[in-house]
Amino acid sequence: MRWRAIVPATLLVFGATAPSLPASAEPPVPGLGDCPLYGDVHICSAEIPSWDGSPLDVDLTLPQQAGGSRHPLMVMLHGFANNKHEWESLTDEGDHADKWHWNNHWFARHGFYVLTYTARGFLDQGKTREDEPNTPPGAPFGSYTGPGTPGTVHLKSRDYEIKDTQWLAAMVAAAYSDLDPNSVAVSGGSYGGGESWTLASQASWRSAHDQNPALPVLQLQVAIPKYPWTDLAPGAQWP
């Protein structure tokens, strides 16, 4: 319980001065279109081409809390064989376990944009918990016939999945001018926790900008891996 109290408090340094919901004049991320209400938060959903053209099934939860002028970004990464819905909920309480006060609703209510997406090679079959928002799932991962690598899992390779996350985050930051590119956080569990560690080794997210200079460089400030690969190291113990 002590960990639960300390980490959200640290992250709220970013969200304490978050503004009201983005103005309707703001351009959405290309392809996201409308952002309907799910409960009391707006969530945009679409398949977005990644840096190599491979479509990724994306949800973007818009910030809810008013006050201030800039929003931080939280990226939440799912575990192996899971999908974008894992860290999504209609309530702060989530599943009353691992997702309690640690989900898109909680962070959006505290002023964050929240990016959740299904990693390449995995399939989203829709909500699996009663508390999850019923955002539309993307097409099966094998449906793409372009130059990318659909249906292929690269085990969080820096050349694929790491670039996917940085690309999508940069697209969100480019689309919403009230998102602070210097206030980015990332968290994930298990497979997503492993990527959180890898992303933390690159505090400046440049890959999207290097490929497309119109996209911003983002600065990662906080990474919170949950039960990641490092827990499998010899001698690793739970606190």
Protein backbone atom coordinates (compact mmCIF):
# COMPACT_ATOMS: atom_id res chain seq x y z
CA MET A 1 0.00 0.00 0.00
CA ARG A 2 2.90 2.34 0.64
CA TRP A 3 4.10 1.92 -2.96
CA ARG A 4 0.60 2.65 -4.23
CA ALA A 5 0.56 5.92 -2.32
CA ILE A 6 4.04 7.14 -3.29
CA VAL A 7 4.01 6.51 -7.04
CA PRO A 8 0.68 8.23 -7.86
CA ALA A 9 1.78 11.19 -5.75
CA THR A 10 4.98 11.46 -7.80
CA LEU A 11 3.08 11.31 -11.07
CA LEU A 12 0.59 13.94 -9.94
CA VAL A 13 3.42 16.48 -10.02
CA PHE A 14 2.83 16.36 -13.78
CA GLY A 15 -0.96 16.42 -13.60
CA ALA A 16 -1.51 19.01 -10.89
CA THR A 17 -1.95 21.86 -13.36
CA ALA A 18 -3.86 20.04 -16.08
CA PRO A 19 -6.37 22.04 -18.14
CA SER A 20 -9.93 21.23 -19.05
CA LEU A 21 -10.83 18.80 -21.81
CA PRO A 22 -9.05 19.71 -25.08
CA ALA A 23 -10.95 22.17 -27.24
CA SER A 24 -12.99 20.62 -30.03
CA ALA A 25 -10.93 22.66 -32.51
CA GLU A 26 -7.85 20.63 -31.65
CA PRO A 27 -6.98 18.25 -34.51
CA PRO A 28 -7.26 14.61 -33.45
CA VAL A 29 -4.50 12.13 -34.13
CA PRO A 30 -4.88 11.30 -37.85
CA GLY A 31 -7.29 8.40 -38.13
CA LEU A 32 -8.71 8.62 -34.61
CA GLY A 33 -11.81 10.59 -35.59
CA ASP A 34 -14.50 10.99 -32.93
CA CYS A 35 -13.83 10.48 -29.23
CA PRO A 36 -17.11 9.29 -27.65
CA LEU A 37 -17.87 9.21 -23.95
CA TYR A 38 -17.34 5.98 -22.04
CA GLY A 39 -18.78 6.63 -18.63
CA ASP A 40 -17.36 10.07 -17.82
CA VAL A 41 -14.22 10.09 -20.01
CA HIS A 42 -13.73 10.57 -23.74
CA ILE A 43 -11.78 7.79 -25.50
CA CYS A 44 -10.66 7.95 -29.14
CA SER A 45 -10.14 4.64 -30.96
CA ALA A 46 -8.65 3.68 -34.34
CA GLU A 47 -6.04 1.67 -36.14
CA ILE A 48 -3.06 3.98 -36.65
CA PRO A 49 -0.18 3.20 -39.05
CA SER A 50 3.08 2.94 -37.17
CA TRP A 51 6.47 4.11 -38.42
CA ASP A 52 6.67 1.22 -40.93
CA GLY A 53 3.00 1.29 -41.95
CA SER A 54 1.89 -1.59 -39.72
CA PRO A 55 -1.55 -0.75 -38.24
CA LEU A 56 -1.74 -0.59 -34.45
CA ASP A 57 -5.00 -0.75 -32.50
CA VAL A 58 -4.98 2.45 -30.43
CA ASP A 59 -7.08 4.01 -27.67
CA LEU A 60 -6.41 7.54 -26.43
CA THR A 61 -8.18 8.66 -23.26
CA LEU A 62 -8.53 12.44 -23.03
CA PRO A 63 -7.81 14.34 -19.81
CA GLN A 64 -10.72 15.30 -17.63
CA GLN A 65 -9.52 17.55 -14.82
CA ALA A 66 -9.52 21.34 -15.17
CA GLY A 67 -6.94 23.92 -14.10
CA GLY A 68 -3.65 25.02 -15.65
CA SER A 69 -2.53 24.90 -19.26
CA ARG A 70 -0.55 21.73 -20.02
CA HIS A 71 -1.25 17.99 -19.84
CA PRO A 72 1.26 15.18 -19.24
CA LEU A 73 1.10 11.90 -21.15
CA MET A 74 0.87 8.45 -19.56
CA VAL A 75 1.60 5.43 -21.76
CA MET A 76 0.26 2.12 -20.37
CA LEU A 77 1.59 -1.11 -21.93
CA HIS A 78 -0.15 -4.48 -21.72
CA GLY A 79 1.25 -7.89 -20.84
CA PHE A 80 2.03 -10.78 -23.16
CA ALA A 81 -1.02 -12.08 -25.10
CA ASN A 82 -3.13 -9.25 -23.71
CA ASN A 83 -4.35 -6.08 -25.45
CA LYS A 84 -5.07 -2.34 -25.08
CA HIS A 85 -8.00 -2.96 -22.72
CA GLU A 86 -5.82 -4.39 -19.92
CA TRP A 87 -5.18 -1.03 -18.22
CA GLU A 88 -8.54 0.53 -19.13
CA SER A 89 -11.50 0.92 -16.79
CA LEU A 90 -14.70 2.91 -16.36
CA THR A 91 -13.81 3.61 -12.71
CA ASP A 92 -10.81 4.54 -10.58
CA GLU A 93 -11.20 1.23 -8.73
CA GLY A 94 -10.72 -0.87 -11.86
CA ASP A 95 -10.63 -4.57 -11.00
CA HIS A 96 -10.12 -3.76 -7.27
CA ALA A 97 -6.73 -5.47 -7.54
CA ASP A 98 -3.82 -4.62 -9.84
CA LYS A 99 -5.81 -1.93 -11.69
CA TRP A 100 -7.03 -0.17 -8.52
CA HIS A 101 -6.21 3.53 -8.95
CA TRP A 102 -3.87 2.47 -11.76
CA ASN A 103 -5.79 2.68 -15.02
CA ASN A 104 -6.69 5.10 -17.79
CA HIS A 105 -9.70 6.47 -15.89
CA TRP A 106 -7.67 7.39 -12.79
CA PHE A 107 -4.95 9.11 -14.80
CA ALA A 108 -7.40 10.93 -17.09
CA ARG A 109 -9.32 12.16 -14.06
CA HIS A 110 -6.04 13.60 -12.74
CA GLY A 111 -5.30 15.46 -15.96
CA PHE A 112 -3.32 13.01 -18.10
CA TYR A 113 -3.67 12.00 -21.69
CA VAL A 114 -3.53 8.18 -21.56
CA LEU A 115 -2.24 6.15 -24.51
CA THR A 116 -3.06 2.44 -24.60
CA TYR A 117 -2.59 0.23 -27.66
CA THR A 118 -2.37 -3.41 -28.69
CA ALA A 119 1.21 -4.34 -29.50
CA ARG A 120 2.00 -5.70 -32.95
CA GLY A 121 1.44 -9.43 -33.23
CA PHE A 122 -1.42 -9.53 -30.69
CA LEU A 123 -5.19 -9.53 -31.10
CA ASP A 124 -7.77 -7.48 -29.25
CA GLN A 125 -11.02 -9.41 -28.97
CA GLY A 126 -12.76 -6.67 -26.99
CA LYS A 127 -13.37 -6.09 -23.29
CA THR A 128 -12.82 -9.03 -20.95
CA ARG A 129 -13.69 -7.41 -17.58
CA GLU A 130 -16.99 -5.82 -16.65
CA ASP A 131 -15.26 -2.56 -15.65
CA GLU A 132 -13.52 -2.08 -19.00
CA PRO A 133 -14.85 0.43 -21.55
CA ASN A 134 -16.27 -1.26 -24.63
CA THR A 135 -13.97 0.51 -27.09
CA PRO A 136 -13.90 -1.13 -30.53
CA PRO A 137 -11.21 -3.75 -31.13
CA GLY A 138 -8.97 -3.45 -34.14
CA ALA A 139 -8.87 -5.81 -37.09
CA PRO A 140 -7.10 -9.17 -36.68
CA PHE A 141 -3.35 -8.73 -36.59
CA GLY A 142 -2.87 -10.74 -39.80
CA SER A 143 -5.11 -8.54 -41.94
CA TYR A 144 -2.39 -6.14 -43.09
CA THR A 145 -0.70 -6.80 -46.44
CA GLY A 146 1.61 -3.76 -46.66
CA PRO A 147 5.38 -3.46 -46.17
CA GLY A 148 5.34 -3.81 -42.37
CA THR A 149 5.50 -6.95 -40.26
CA PRO A 150 1.93 -7.68 -39.16
CA GLY A 151 1.35 -10.60 -36.85
CA THR A 152 5.04 -10.74 -35.90
CA VAL A 153 6.07 -10.38 -32.25
CA HIS A 154 9.57 -8.96 -31.87
CA LEU A 155 9.78 -9.36 -28.07
CA LYS A 156 10.02 -5.61 -27.42
CA SER A 157 12.85 -5.07 -29.86
CA ARG A 158 14.28 -1.55 -29.99
CA ASP A 159 13.86 -1.81 -33.78
CA TYR A 160 10.11 -2.47 -33.62
CA GLU A 161 7.98 -2.26 -30.45
CA ILE A 162 10.06 0.50 -28.83
CA LYS A 163 9.75 2.56 -32.00
CA ASP A 164 6.00 1.82 -32.12
CA THR A 165 5.46 3.34 -28.68
CA GLN A 166 7.60 6.38 -29.39
CA TRP A 167 5.89 6.91 -32.76
CA LEU A 168 2.35 6.78 -31.35
CA ALA A 169 3.27 9.01 -28.40
CA ALA A 170 4.84 11.57 -30.74
CA MET A 171 1.73 11.54 -32.95
CA VAL A 172 -0.46 12.28 -29.93
CA ALA A 173 1.85 15.10 -28.82
CA ALA A 174 1.83 16.60 -32.33
CA ALA A 175 -1.97 16.48 -32.53
CA TYR A 176 -2.73 18.08 -29.14
CA SER A 177 -0.96 21.35 -28.47
CA ASP A 178 -1.84 21.24 -24.75
CA LEU A 179 0.17 18.05 -24.25
CA ASP A 180 3.53 18.75 -22.64
CA PRO A 181 6.20 16.82 -24.60
CA ASN A 182 8.55 17.15 -21.64
CA SER A 183 6.17 15.40 -19.22
CA VAL A 184 5.88 11.78 -20.34
CA ALA A 185 5.46 8.73 -18.12
CA VAL A 186 5.26 5.04 -19.00
CA SER A 187 4.10 1.98 -17.11
CA GLY A 188 3.40 -1.63 -18.00
CA GLY A 189 3.00 -5.06 -16.50
CA SER A 190 5.04 -8.17 -17.31
CA TYR A 191 5.70 -7.94 -21.07
CA GLY A 192 4.75 -4.26 -20.91
CA GLY A 193 6.91 -3.88 -17.82
CA GLY A 194 9.87 -5.14 -19.82
CA GLU A 195 9.28 -2.47 -22.43
CA SER A 196 8.97 0.13 -19.68
CA TRP A 197 12.52 -0.69 -18.57
CA THR A 198 13.80 -0.47 -22.15
CA LEU A 199 12.04 2.84 -22.77
CA ALA A 200 13.52 4.18 -19.52
CA SER A 201 17.00 3.68 -20.99
CA GLN A 202 16.13 6.26 -23.65
CA ALA A 203 14.93 9.32 -21.76
CA SER A 204 14.79 11.35 -24.99
CA TRP A 205 12.36 9.68 -27.37
CA ARG A 206 13.80 10.73 -30.75
CA SER A 207 13.07 7.87 -33.14
CA ALA A 208 9.80 9.33 -34.45
CA HIS A 209 11.32 12.79 -34.89
CA ASP A 210 14.37 11.34 -36.65
CA GLN A 211 12.08 9.63 -39.17
CA ASN A 212 9.62 12.52 -39.46
CA PRO A 213 10.92 15.93 -38.30
CA ALA A 214 7.33 17.19 -38.00
CA LEU A 215 6.91 14.96 -34.95
CA PRO A 216 8.30 16.22 -31.62
CA VAL A 217 11.04 14.77 -29.45
CA LEU A 218 9.50 13.61 -26.17
CA GLN A 219 11.17 13.55 -22.77
CA LEU A 220 10.44 10.60 -20.49
CA GLN A 221 10.35 11.64 -16.84
CA VAL A 222 8.98 8.56 -15.04
CA ALA A 223 8.95 4.82 -15.79
CA ILE A 224 7.09 2.39 -13.54
CA PRO A 225 7.67 -1.23 -14.61
CA LYS A 226 5.39 -3.73 -12.86
CA TYR A 227 6.59 -7.34 -12.40
CA PRO A 228 8.86 -7.06 -15.47
CA TRP A 229 11.60 -9.29 -16.88
CA THR A 230 14.09 -8.17 -14.24
CA ASP A 231 12.06 -10.11 -11.66
CA LEU A 232 13.20 -13.29 -13.43
CA ALA A 233 16.89 -12.55 -12.81
CA PRO A 234 18.75 -14.87 -10.41
CA GLY A 235 18.30 -13.66 -6.84
CA ALA A 236 15.45 -11.28 -7.72
CA GLN A 237 12.94 -10.99 -4.91
CA TRP A 238 9.67 -9.17 -4.41
CA PRO A 239 9.94 -6.26 -1.92
